[in-house]
Protein backbone atom coordinates (compact mmCIF):
# COMPACT_ATOMS: atom_id res chain seq x y z
CA MET A 1 117.62 123.02 19.20
CA ALA A 2 120.35 121.29 21.19
CA LEU A 3 120.28 124.17 23.66
CA ALA A 4 116.53 123.73 24.14
CA ALA A 5 117.00 120.00 24.67
CA VAL A 6 119.65 120.69 27.32
CA GLU A 7 117.32 123.15 29.10
CA ILE A 8 114.40 120.69 29.02
CA SER A 9 116.69 117.96 30.34
CA ARG A 10 117.92 120.23 33.18
CA ARG A 11 114.35 121.14 34.17
CA ALA A 12 113.25 117.50 34.02
CA ARG A 13 116.18 116.54 36.23
CA LYS A 14 115.33 119.33 38.69
CA ASP A 15 111.65 118.28 38.72
CA GLY A 16 112.66 114.64 39.18
CA LYS A 17 114.89 115.54 42.15
CA ARG A 18 112.06 117.55 43.70
CA SER A 19 109.68 114.61 43.23
CA ALA A 20 112.21 112.20 44.73
CA ASP A 21 112.74 114.50 47.74
CA ALA A 22 108.98 114.79 48.23
CA ALA A 23 108.63 111.00 48.03
CA VAL A 24 111.34 110.56 50.69
CA ARG A 25 109.62 113.10 52.98
CA SER A 26 106.29 111.36 52.44
CA ALA A 27 107.76 107.93 53.20
CA THR A 28 109.45 109.26 56.36
CA ALA A 29 106.18 110.80 57.55
CA ALA A 30 104.32 107.54 56.84
CA GLU A 31 106.92 105.55 58.79
CA GLN A 32 106.64 107.96 61.74
CA THR A 33 102.84 107.75 61.65
CA LEU A 34 102.98 103.96 61.62
CA ALA A 35 105.43 103.96 64.55
CA ASP A 36 103.12 106.33 66.48
CA GLN A 37 100.11 104.10 65.77
CA ARG A 38 101.99 101.00 66.92
CA ARG A 39 103.13 102.75 70.12
CA ASP A 40 99.57 103.97 70.82
CA ALA A 41 98.19 100.46 70.25
CA ALA A 42 100.80 98.95 72.60
CA GLU A 43 99.99 101.54 75.29
CA ARG A 44 96.26 100.87 74.87
CA ARG A 45 96.79 97.10 75.18
CA ALA A 46 98.91 97.60 78.33
CA ALA A 47 96.25 99.87 79.87
CA GLU A 48 93.51 97.34 79.05
CA ALA A 49 95.56 94.51 80.58
CA GLU A 50 96.14 96.59 83.73
CA ALA A 51 92.42 97.43 83.98
CA ALA A 52 91.50 93.74 83.60
CA ARG A 53 94.04 92.58 86.21
CA PRO A 54 92.39 91.18 89.38
CA ARG A 55 92.48 93.63 92.27
CA VAL A 56 92.45 93.38 96.04
CA ARG A 57 89.28 94.94 97.48
CA LEU A 58 89.07 94.98 101.24
CA ARG A 59 86.13 96.00 103.42
CA ILE A 60 85.24 95.80 107.07
CA GLU A 61 82.00 94.06 108.01
CA HIS A 62 80.33 94.38 111.42
CA MET A 63 79.36 91.04 112.95
CA SER A 64 78.14 91.83 116.48
CA LYS A 65 78.98 94.30 119.26
CA HIS A 66 82.79 94.63 119.05
CA SER A 67 83.29 91.83 116.54
CA TYR A 68 84.21 92.66 112.93
CA ARG A 69 85.48 90.91 109.80
CA LEU A 70 88.02 92.12 107.28
CA ARG A 71 86.95 90.60 103.95
CA ASN A 72 88.74 90.51 100.62
CA TRP A 73 85.94 90.70 98.06
CA GLY A 74 88.32 91.40 95.18
CA GLY A 75 89.74 88.96 92.67
CA ALA A 76 93.37 88.93 93.89
CA ALA A 77 95.04 87.74 97.06
CA ALA A 78 96.09 90.33 99.65
CA THR A 79 99.31 89.34 101.41
CA ASN A 80 100.92 90.85 104.50
CA ILE A 81 98.00 93.13 105.33
CA SER A 82 99.14 95.59 107.99
CA ASN A 83 96.99 97.77 110.20
CA VAL A 84 98.95 101.03 109.98
CA GLU A 85 96.69 103.53 111.70
CA THR A 86 93.72 103.43 114.06
CA CYS A 87 92.52 105.45 117.01
CA GLY A 88 90.97 102.68 119.14
CA ALA A 89 92.15 99.28 120.24
CA VAL A 90 92.12 96.68 117.45
CA GLY A 91 92.67 93.14 118.61
CA GLU A 92 93.40 89.80 116.97
CA TRP A 93 95.29 91.31 114.02
CA PRO A 94 98.25 89.06 113.15
CA ASP A 95 101.56 90.45 111.93
CA SER A 96 101.34 88.79 108.50
CA LEU A 97 97.66 88.60 107.63
CA SER A 98 96.89 87.32 104.13
CA LEU A 99 93.45 86.91 102.55
CA GLN A 100 92.54 85.07 99.38
CA PRO A 101 89.58 86.33 97.32
CA GLY A 102 86.39 85.85 99.33
CA GLU A 103 88.28 85.06 102.53
CA ALA A 104 87.70 86.97 105.78
CA HIS A 105 89.54 87.50 109.08
CA ARG A 106 87.63 88.10 112.32
CA PHE A 107 88.95 90.74 114.73
CA MET A 108 87.76 92.87 117.61
CA ILE A 109 87.55 96.63 118.03
CA SER A 110 87.01 98.14 121.43
CA GLY A 111 87.13 101.63 122.80
CA ASP A 112 87.45 103.18 126.23
CA TYR A 113 87.18 106.65 127.72
CA ASP A 114 90.49 107.72 126.19
CA ASN A 115 90.13 105.99 122.83
CA LEU A 116 86.76 105.74 121.14
CA GLU A 117 86.13 103.00 118.63
CA PRO A 118 87.70 104.10 115.34
CA THR A 119 85.54 105.16 112.42
CA GLU A 120 88.19 103.97 109.99
CA ILE A 121 91.23 101.73 109.79
CA CYS A 122 94.15 102.33 107.42
CA VAL A 123 95.82 99.27 105.95
CA THR A 124 98.57 98.41 103.50
CA TRP A 125 99.52 95.12 101.84
CA ASP A 126 102.15 93.83 99.45
CA GLY A 127 101.84 95.87 96.27
CA GLN A 128 99.86 98.65 98.02
CA GLU A 129 102.35 100.83 99.85
CA ASP A 130 100.06 103.86 100.26
CA PRO A 131 97.58 103.31 103.12
CA VAL A 132 94.00 102.52 102.11
CA VAL A 133 91.28 103.89 104.36
CA LEU A 134 88.61 101.33 105.29
CA PRO A 135 85.51 102.74 106.98
CA VAL A 136 84.35 100.90 110.10
CA PRO A 137 80.58 100.36 109.87
């Protein structure tokens, strides 16, 4: 009888250790899942904040003959707008052009026999290092 009690006690201890190990594995997995969910939620919030951030949106508007306007119709200010690439002559473009939302800058585009009026102008501004192509209407 004592031998049977020892065997039952040994099995119960073994089963208890197995249960404790399983509980530890389960708790570790739950902690990892919670950490993953928190990280995903933080990434989602950051992406939503970035998507909601006001953006610079520039476009060229034709006024008359060789007269054009560069307008910022976005929700953020564009500072230090630079004309980085055109084929024709673009006049009245200051070195440090900045436009608030809704603001416009008038400039001229003219062509000659060697340089036709451009069909697009490439610009950059602070925070936008890659040139953005703006079609000339």
